[in-house]
Amino acid sequence: MKHAILLTSLLITVLLSSCASNTNPQPRQACAHAPAGQYCVQSGDTLTRLSQRFSVSVTDLKRWNQLSSETIHVGDKLLIREPFNNRKISVGNNKHSVNAFRLQMPVDGKIIIPYSNQNKGIDIAANRGEFVHAASDGVVIYSGNNIAQYGKMVLLRHSATTITAYANNENILVPMNARVKAGQIIAEVGSSGRRDGKTALHFELRVNGKPTNPMNYFR
């Protein structure tokens, strides 16, 4: 499949396209891109809005970035760490670790295509129109059908490093920038973009931009 290349391209476009130069009379140097764990400030961003988007506190944002006030500018590159619930926690004598980030199954159905290096996600067969649920709390960073093989797709950002994708839907039920809770209905199962004609949800998890087997994160 070409899922990996196509989705990676879309993620780059969605996450980086807004990092544009400030057009003030005395322009600041805008960041061209932000590495994992950092964020390019966009027009309209405030520390309060960013704290809500990434589920962290304003106090932490100021401390991480050594800010003396809540003033930020377009083009600033901010350090944004994952909230506690998304971090790896140590167990015992530090020789083992457990990833505390957990997902719930996005739809009630049967896995017909498992995760692999080719598929980059899992495909879950379900009845057409079956509700698709957010696998975890997050923000809608893409809602559309611009990539043929993914059909009608929703992308949710759960933290600065974690994104889930819900593809091949019949209908999308959430708009761009909407904040959603785990279990909230975001779409309806369909077959849009699928070459096999099956009615199924294609679900992907990306951590630091890399495909990750979601089966390791389900409750």
C-alpha atoms as a PDB file:
ATOM      1  CA  MET A   1       0.000   0.000   0.000  1.00  0.00           C
ATOM      2  CA  LYS A   2       0.976   3.617  -0.429  1.00  0.00           C
ATOM      3  CA  HIS A   3      -0.720   4.588   2.845  1.00  0.00           C
ATOM      4  CA  ALA A   4       2.542   5.493   4.604  1.00  0.00           C
ATOM      5  CA  ILE A   5       3.817   7.866   1.893  1.00  0.00           C
ATOM      6  CA  LEU A   6       0.436   9.497   1.345  1.00  0.00           C
ATOM      7  CA  LEU A   7      -0.394  10.047   4.998  1.00  0.00           C
ATOM      8  CA  THR A   8       3.117  11.251   5.824  1.00  0.00           C
ATOM      9  CA  SER A   9       2.807  13.829   3.046  1.00  0.00           C
ATOM     10  CA  LEU A  10      -0.549  14.972   4.357  1.00  0.00           C
ATOM     11  CA  LEU A  11       0.694  15.193   7.954  1.00  0.00           C
ATOM     12  CA  ILE A  12       3.622  17.349   6.866  1.00  0.00           C
ATOM     13  CA  THR A  13       1.255  19.648   4.974  1.00  0.00           C
ATOM     14  CA  VAL A  14      -1.260  19.888   7.827  1.00  0.00           C
ATOM     15  CA  LEU A  15       1.262  20.362  10.623  1.00  0.00           C
ATOM     16  CA  LEU A  16       3.735  22.669   8.903  1.00  0.00           C
ATOM     17  CA  SER A  17       1.782  24.759   6.396  1.00  0.00           C
ATOM     18  CA  SER A  18       0.736  27.321   9.013  1.00  0.00           C
ATOM     19  CA  CYS A  19       4.291  28.162  10.106  1.00  0.00           C
ATOM     20  CA  ALA A  20       4.454  31.277   7.931  1.00  0.00           C
ATOM     21  CA  SER A  21       6.422  34.494   8.349  1.00  0.00           C
ATOM     22  CA  ASN A  22       4.997  37.336  10.421  1.00  0.00           C
ATOM     23  CA  THR A  23       4.017  40.320   8.256  1.00  0.00           C
ATOM     24  CA  ASN A  24       4.450  43.005  10.925  1.00  0.00           C
ATOM     25  CA  PRO A  25       6.527  46.075   9.995  1.00  0.00           C
ATOM     26  CA  GLN A  26       9.395  44.518  11.957  1.00  0.00           C
ATOM     27  CA  PRO A  27       9.049  40.853  10.927  1.00  0.00           C
ATOM     28  CA  ARG A  28      10.264  38.072  13.199  1.00  0.00           C
ATOM     29  CA  GLN A  29      12.085  35.058  11.839  1.00  0.00           C
ATOM     30  CA  ALA A  30       9.395  32.378  11.526  1.00  0.00           C
ATOM     31  CA  CYS A  31      10.304  28.737  12.075  1.00  0.00           C
ATOM     32  CA  ALA A  32      10.151  26.744   8.838  1.00  0.00           C
ATOM     33  CA  HIS A  33       9.283  23.567  10.719  1.00  0.00           C
ATOM     34  CA  ALA A  34       9.182  22.265  14.253  1.00  0.00           C
ATOM     35  CA  PRO A  35      10.857  19.034  15.356  1.00  0.00           C
ATOM     36  CA  ALA A  36       9.046  16.538  17.560  1.00  0.00           C
ATOM     37  CA  GLY A  37       8.075  18.091  20.865  1.00  0.00           C
ATOM     38  CA  GLN A  38       8.056  21.673  19.546  1.00  0.00           C
ATOM     39  CA  TYR A  39       5.386  23.861  17.953  1.00  0.00           C
ATOM     40  CA  CYS A  40       5.427  26.823  15.550  1.00  0.00           C
ATOM     41  CA  VAL A  41       3.224  29.625  16.860  1.00  0.00           C
ATOM     42  CA  GLN A  42       0.479  30.576  14.400  1.00  0.00           C
ATOM     43  CA  SER A  43      -1.693  33.657  14.023  1.00  0.00           C
ATOM     44  CA  GLY A  44      -4.341  33.679  16.744  1.00  0.00           C
ATOM     45  CA  ASP A  45      -2.427  31.388  19.106  1.00  0.00           C
ATOM     46  CA  THR A  46      -2.254  32.269  22.794  1.00  0.00           C
ATOM     47  CA  LEU A  47      -0.733  30.309  25.653  1.00  0.00           C
ATOM     48  CA  THR A  48      -4.229  29.648  26.967  1.00  0.00           C
ATOM     49  CA  ARG A  49      -5.382  28.196  23.645  1.00  0.00           C
ATOM     50  CA  LEU A  50      -2.226  26.116  23.306  1.00  0.00           C
ATOM     51  CA  SER A  51      -2.609  24.795  26.848  1.00  0.00           C
ATOM     52  CA  GLN A  52      -6.133  23.638  25.984  1.00  0.00           C
ATOM     53  CA  ARG A  53      -5.053  22.164  22.655  1.00  0.00           C
ATOM     54  CA  PHE A  54      -2.183  20.135  24.070  1.00  0.00           C
ATOM     55  CA  SER A  55      -3.728  19.398  27.499  1.00  0.00           C
ATOM     56  CA  VAL A  56      -0.943  21.114  29.442  1.00  0.00           C
ATOM     57  CA  SER A  57      -0.969  24.119  31.789  1.00  0.00           C
ATOM     58  CA  VAL A  58      -0.040  27.706  30.931  1.00  0.00           C
ATOM     59  CA  THR A  59       2.385  27.591  33.859  1.00  0.00           C
ATOM     60  CA  ASP A  60       4.189  24.615  32.339  1.00  0.00           C
ATOM     61  CA  LEU A  61       4.335  26.279  28.918  1.00  0.00           C
ATOM     62  CA  LYS A  62       5.928  29.381  30.459  1.00  0.00           C
ATOM     63  CA  ARG A  63       8.371  27.304  32.515  1.00  0.00           C
ATOM     64  CA  TRP A  64       9.420  25.031  29.627  1.00  0.00           C
ATOM     65  CA  ASN A  65      10.048  28.055  27.387  1.00  0.00           C
ATOM     66  CA  GLN A  66      11.427  30.443  30.060  1.00  0.00           C
ATOM     67  CA  LEU A  67       8.705  32.994  29.373  1.00  0.00           C
ATOM     68  CA  SER A  68       8.286  35.887  31.813  1.00  0.00           C
ATOM     69  CA  SER A  69       4.825  36.737  30.437  1.00  0.00           C
ATOM     70  CA  GLU A  70       2.106  35.137  28.325  1.00  0.00           C
ATOM     71  CA  THR A  71       3.116  37.111  25.222  1.00  0.00           C
ATOM     72  CA  ILE A  72       4.039  34.967  22.213  1.00  0.00           C
ATOM     73  CA  HIS A  73       4.573  35.859  18.554  1.00  0.00           C
ATOM     74  CA  VAL A  74       3.869  34.233  15.218  1.00  0.00           C
ATOM     75  CA  GLY A  75       6.949  32.250  14.243  1.00  0.00           C
ATOM     76  CA  ASP A  76       8.075  31.501  17.795  1.00  0.00           C
ATOM     77  CA  LYS A  77       9.129  27.887  18.337  1.00  0.00           C
ATOM     78  CA  LEU A  78       7.740  26.592  21.617  1.00  0.00           C
ATOM     79  CA  LEU A  79       8.730  23.496  23.528  1.00  0.00           C
ATOM     80  CA  ILE A  80       5.598  21.470  24.308  1.00  0.00           C
ATOM     81  CA  ARG A  81       6.046  18.305  26.308  1.00  0.00           C
ATOM     82  CA  GLU A  82       3.514  15.514  26.454  1.00  0.00           C
ATOM     83  CA  PRO A  83       1.015  15.586  29.323  1.00  0.00           C
ATOM     84  CA  PHE A  84       1.695  13.125  32.141  1.00  0.00           C
ATOM     85  CA  ASN A  85      -0.908  10.622  30.951  1.00  0.00           C
ATOM     86  CA  ASN A  86       0.908  10.282  27.616  1.00  0.00           C
ATOM     87  CA  ARG A  87       4.435   9.783  28.985  1.00  0.00           C
ATOM     88  CA  LYS A  88       6.357   6.582  29.448  1.00  0.00           C
ATOM     89  CA  ILE A  89       6.511   5.711  33.107  1.00  0.00           C
ATOM     90  CA  SER A  90       9.207   3.612  34.716  1.00  0.00           C
ATOM     91  CA  VAL A  91       8.403   0.420  36.559  1.00  0.00           C
ATOM     92  CA  GLY A  92      10.476  -1.354  39.197  1.00  0.00           C
ATOM     93  CA  ASN A  93      14.207  -0.821  38.885  1.00  0.00           C
ATOM     94  CA  ASN A  94      14.061   1.171  35.594  1.00  0.00           C
ATOM     95  CA  LYS A  95      14.903  -1.892  33.514  1.00  0.00           C
ATOM     96  CA  HIS A  96      11.347  -1.965  32.189  1.00  0.00           C
ATOM     97  CA  SER A  97       8.938   0.726  31.059  1.00  0.00           C
ATOM     98  CA  VAL A  98       5.231   0.872  30.349  1.00  0.00           C
ATOM     99  CA  ASN A  99       3.623   3.319  27.948  1.00  0.00           C
ATOM    100  CA  ALA A 100       0.776   4.960  29.846  1.00  0.00           C
ATOM    101  CA  PHE A 101      -0.872   6.356  26.706  1.00  0.00           C
ATOM    102  CA  ARG A 102      -3.946   4.260  25.962  1.00  0.00           C
ATOM    103  CA  LEU A 103      -6.456   4.114  23.106  1.00  0.00           C
ATOM    104  CA  GLN A 104      -9.928   2.692  22.864  1.00  0.00           C
ATOM    105  CA  MET A 105     -11.132   0.818  19.788  1.00  0.00           C
ATOM    106  CA  PRO A 106     -12.559   3.393  17.370  1.00  0.00           C
ATOM    107  CA  VAL A 107     -15.340   1.143  16.065  1.00  0.00           C
ATOM    108  CA  ASP A 108     -17.068  -2.075  17.020  1.00  0.00           C
ATOM    109  CA  GLY A 109     -16.075  -4.561  14.324  1.00  0.00           C
ATOM    110  CA  LYS A 110     -13.659  -7.247  13.145  1.00  0.00           C
ATOM    111  CA  ILE A 111     -10.036  -6.580  12.237  1.00  0.00           C
ATOM    112  CA  ILE A 112      -9.674  -7.808   8.655  1.00  0.00           C
ATOM    113  CA  ILE A 113      -6.224  -6.392   7.858  1.00  0.00           C
ATOM    114  CA  PRO A 114      -3.694  -6.300  10.732  1.00  0.00           C
ATOM    115  CA  TYR A 115      -0.854  -3.846  11.207  1.00  0.00           C
ATOM    116  CA  SER A 116       2.187  -4.446   8.987  1.00  0.00           C
ATOM    117  CA  ASN A 117       5.027  -2.583   7.313  1.00  0.00           C
ATOM    118  CA  GLN A 118       2.817  -2.312   4.252  1.00  0.00           C
ATOM    119  CA  ASN A 119      -0.531  -1.418   5.848  1.00  0.00           C
ATOM    120  CA  LYS A 120       0.820   0.946   8.554  1.00  0.00           C
ATOM    121  CA  GLY A 121      -2.434   0.586  10.482  1.00  0.00           C
ATOM    122  CA  ILE A 122      -5.360  -1.752  10.981  1.00  0.00           C
ATOM    123  CA  ASP A 123      -8.583  -2.165   8.993  1.00  0.00           C
ATOM    124  CA  ILE A 124     -11.749  -2.850  10.975  1.00  0.00           C
ATOM    125  CA  ALA A 125     -14.791  -4.162   9.101  1.00  0.00           C
ATOM    126  CA  ALA A 126     -18.155  -2.870  10.340  1.00  0.00           C
ATOM    127  CA  ASN A 127     -21.617  -2.139   8.995  1.00  0.00           C
ATOM    128  CA  ARG A 128     -21.985   0.924   6.804  1.00  0.00           C
ATOM    129  CA  GLY A 129     -23.028   3.863   8.928  1.00  0.00           C
ATOM    130  CA  GLU A 130     -21.651   2.375  12.149  1.00  0.00           C
ATOM    131  CA  PHE A 131     -20.343   5.183  14.342  1.00  0.00           C
ATOM    132  CA  VAL A 132     -16.592   5.826  14.490  1.00  0.00           C
ATOM    133  CA  HIS A 133     -15.354   7.074  17.882  1.00  0.00           C
ATOM    134  CA  ALA A 134     -12.294   9.089  18.886  1.00  0.00           C
ATOM    135  CA  ALA A 135      -9.712   6.696  20.301  1.00  0.00           C
ATOM    136  CA  SER A 136      -8.550   9.297  22.831  1.00  0.00           C
ATOM    137  CA  ASP A 137      -9.048  12.974  23.700  1.00  0.00           C
ATOM    138  CA  GLY A 138      -7.738  15.211  20.930  1.00  0.00           C
ATOM    139  CA  VAL A 139      -8.135  18.034  18.417  1.00  0.00           C
ATOM    140  CA  VAL A 140      -9.253  17.670  14.793  1.00  0.00           C
ATOM    141  CA  ILE A 141      -6.335  18.769  12.602  1.00  0.00           C
ATOM    142  CA  TYR A 142      -7.746  17.418   9.316  1.00  0.00           C
ATOM    143  CA  SER A 143     -11.264  16.676   8.120  1.00  0.00           C
ATOM    144  CA  GLY A 144     -11.673  16.018   4.398  1.00  0.00           C
ATOM    145  CA  ASN A 145     -11.186  13.757   1.386  1.00  0.00           C
ATOM    146  CA  ASN A 146      -8.119  15.060  -0.426  1.00  0.00           C
ATOM    147  CA  ILE A 147      -6.294  11.706  -0.642  1.00  0.00           C
ATOM    148  CA  ALA A 148      -7.998   9.121  -2.835  1.00  0.00           C
ATOM    149  CA  GLN A 149      -6.956   5.939  -1.027  1.00  0.00           C
ATOM    150  CA  TYR A 150      -7.985   7.350   2.341  1.00  0.00           C
ATOM    151  CA  GLY A 151     -11.343   8.665   1.193  1.00  0.00           C
ATOM    152  CA  LYS A 152     -13.127  10.736   3.814  1.00  0.00           C
ATOM    153  CA  MET A 153     -10.627  10.986   6.660  1.00  0.00           C
ATOM    154  CA  VAL A 154     -10.244  12.577  10.092  1.00  0.00           C
ATOM    155  CA  LEU A 155      -6.899  13.227  11.796  1.00  0.00           C
ATOM    156  CA  LEU A 156      -6.781  13.813  15.560  1.00  0.00           C
ATOM    157  CA  ARG A 157      -3.804  15.256  17.416  1.00  0.00           C
ATOM    158  CA  HIS A 158      -3.627  13.866  20.973  1.00  0.00           C
ATOM    159  CA  SER A 159      -0.343  15.470  22.016  1.00  0.00           C
ATOM    160  CA  ALA A 160       2.641  17.202  20.460  1.00  0.00           C
ATOM    161  CA  THR A 161       3.887  13.806  19.244  1.00  0.00           C
ATOM    162  CA  THR A 162       0.801  11.613  18.834  1.00  0.00           C
ATOM    163  CA  ILE A 163      -1.770  11.527  16.006  1.00  0.00           C
ATOM    164  CA  THR A 164      -4.472   9.057  14.973  1.00  0.00           C
ATOM    165  CA  ALA A 165      -6.086   8.722  11.540  1.00  0.00           C
ATOM    166  CA  TYR A 166      -9.606   7.475  10.724  1.00  0.00           C
ATOM    167  CA  ALA A 167     -10.020   6.802   7.000  1.00  0.00           C
ATOM    168  CA  ASN A 168     -12.464   5.438   4.381  1.00  0.00           C
ATOM    169  CA  ASN A 169     -15.507   6.898   6.149  1.00  0.00           C
ATOM    170  CA  GLU A 170     -19.016   7.315   4.758  1.00  0.00           C
ATOM    171  CA  ASN A 171     -19.529  10.636   6.514  1.00  0.00           C
ATOM    172  CA  ILE A 172     -17.394  12.930   8.664  1.00  0.00           C
ATOM    173  CA  LEU A 173     -19.214  14.354  11.687  1.00  0.00           C
ATOM    174  CA  VAL A 174     -16.635  16.749  13.176  1.00  0.00           C
ATOM    175  CA  PRO A 175     -15.200  20.003  11.774  1.00  0.00           C
ATOM    176  CA  MET A 176     -11.630  21.244  11.706  1.00  0.00           C
ATOM    177  CA  ASN A 177     -10.197  22.408  15.050  1.00  0.00           C
ATOM    178  CA  ALA A 178     -12.951  20.728  17.078  1.00  0.00           C
ATOM    179  CA  ARG A 179     -11.881  19.380  20.470  1.00  0.00           C
ATOM    180  CA  VAL A 180     -13.148  15.853  21.045  1.00  0.00           C
ATOM    181  CA  LYS A 181     -13.225  13.453  23.961  1.00  0.00           C
ATOM    182  CA  ALA A 182     -12.343   9.763  23.937  1.00  0.00           C
ATOM    183  CA  GLY A 183     -15.371   7.850  22.694  1.00  0.00           C
ATOM    184  CA  GLN A 184     -16.981  10.853  21.005  1.00  0.00           C
ATOM    185  CA  ILE A 185     -18.585  10.113  17.627  1.00  0.00           C
ATOM    186  CA  ILE A 186     -16.498  11.631  14.810  1.00  0.00           C
ATOM    187  CA  ALA A 187     -17.570   9.780  11.647  1.00  0.00           C
ATOM    188  CA  GLU A 188     -19.570   6.915  10.116  1.00  0.00           C
ATOM    189  CA  VAL A 189     -18.025   3.763   8.660  1.00  0.00           C
ATOM    190  CA  GLY A 190     -18.001   3.542   4.874  1.00  0.00           C
ATOM    191  CA  SER A 191     -15.878   2.481   1.932  1.00  0.00           C
ATOM    192  CA  SER A 192     -14.747   5.801   0.432  1.00  0.00           C
ATOM    193  CA  GLY A 193     -11.362   5.479  -1.227  1.00  0.00           C
ATOM    194  CA  ARG A 194     -11.098   1.728  -0.667  1.00  0.00           C
ATOM    195  CA  ARG A 195      -9.961  -0.293  -3.670  1.00  0.00           C
ATOM    196  CA  ASP A 196     -11.313  -3.565  -2.270  1.00  0.00           C
ATOM    197  CA  GLY A 197     -14.841  -2.180  -1.953  1.00  0.00           C
ATOM    198  CA  LYS A 198     -15.136  -3.359   1.652  1.00  0.00           C
ATOM    199  CA  THR A 199     -16.948  -1.362   4.288  1.00  0.00           C
ATOM    200  CA  ALA A 200     -14.244  -0.851   6.885  1.00  0.00           C
ATOM    201  CA  LEU A 201     -12.383   1.774   8.882  1.00  0.00           C
ATOM    202  CA  HIS A 202      -8.658   2.172   8.226  1.00  0.00           C
ATOM    203  CA  PHE A 203      -7.102   3.308  11.520  1.00  0.00           C
ATOM    204  CA  GLU A 204      -3.525   4.502  12.031  1.00  0.00           C
ATOM    205  CA  LEU A 205      -1.443   5.688  14.982  1.00  0.00           C
ATOM    206  CA  ARG A 206       1.581   7.946  14.449  1.00  0.00           C
ATOM    207  CA  VAL A 207       4.087   8.650  17.231  1.00  0.00           C
ATOM    208  CA  ASN A 208       6.757  11.239  16.425  1.00  0.00           C
ATOM    209  CA  GLY A 209       5.586  10.992  12.811  1.00  0.00           C
ATOM    210  CA  LYS A 210       6.264   7.256  12.589  1.00  0.00           C
ATOM    211  CA  PRO A 211       3.654   4.503  12.036  1.00  0.00           C
ATOM    212  CA  THR A 212       3.103   2.546  15.251  1.00  0.00           C
ATOM    213  CA  ASN A 213       1.089  -0.601  15.865  1.00  0.00           C
ATOM    214  CA  PRO A 214      -2.072   0.622  17.639  1.00  0.00           C
ATOM    215  CA  MET A 215      -2.748  -2.868  19.006  1.00  0.00           C
ATOM    216  CA  ASN A 216      -0.054  -2.184  21.632  1.00  0.00           C
ATOM    217  CA  TYR A 217      -2.030   0.783  22.973  1.00  0.00           C
ATOM    218  CA  PHE A 218      -5.619  -0.445  23.180  1.00  0.00           C
ATOM    219  CA  ARG A 219      -7.135  -0.796  26.638  1.00  0.00           C
END
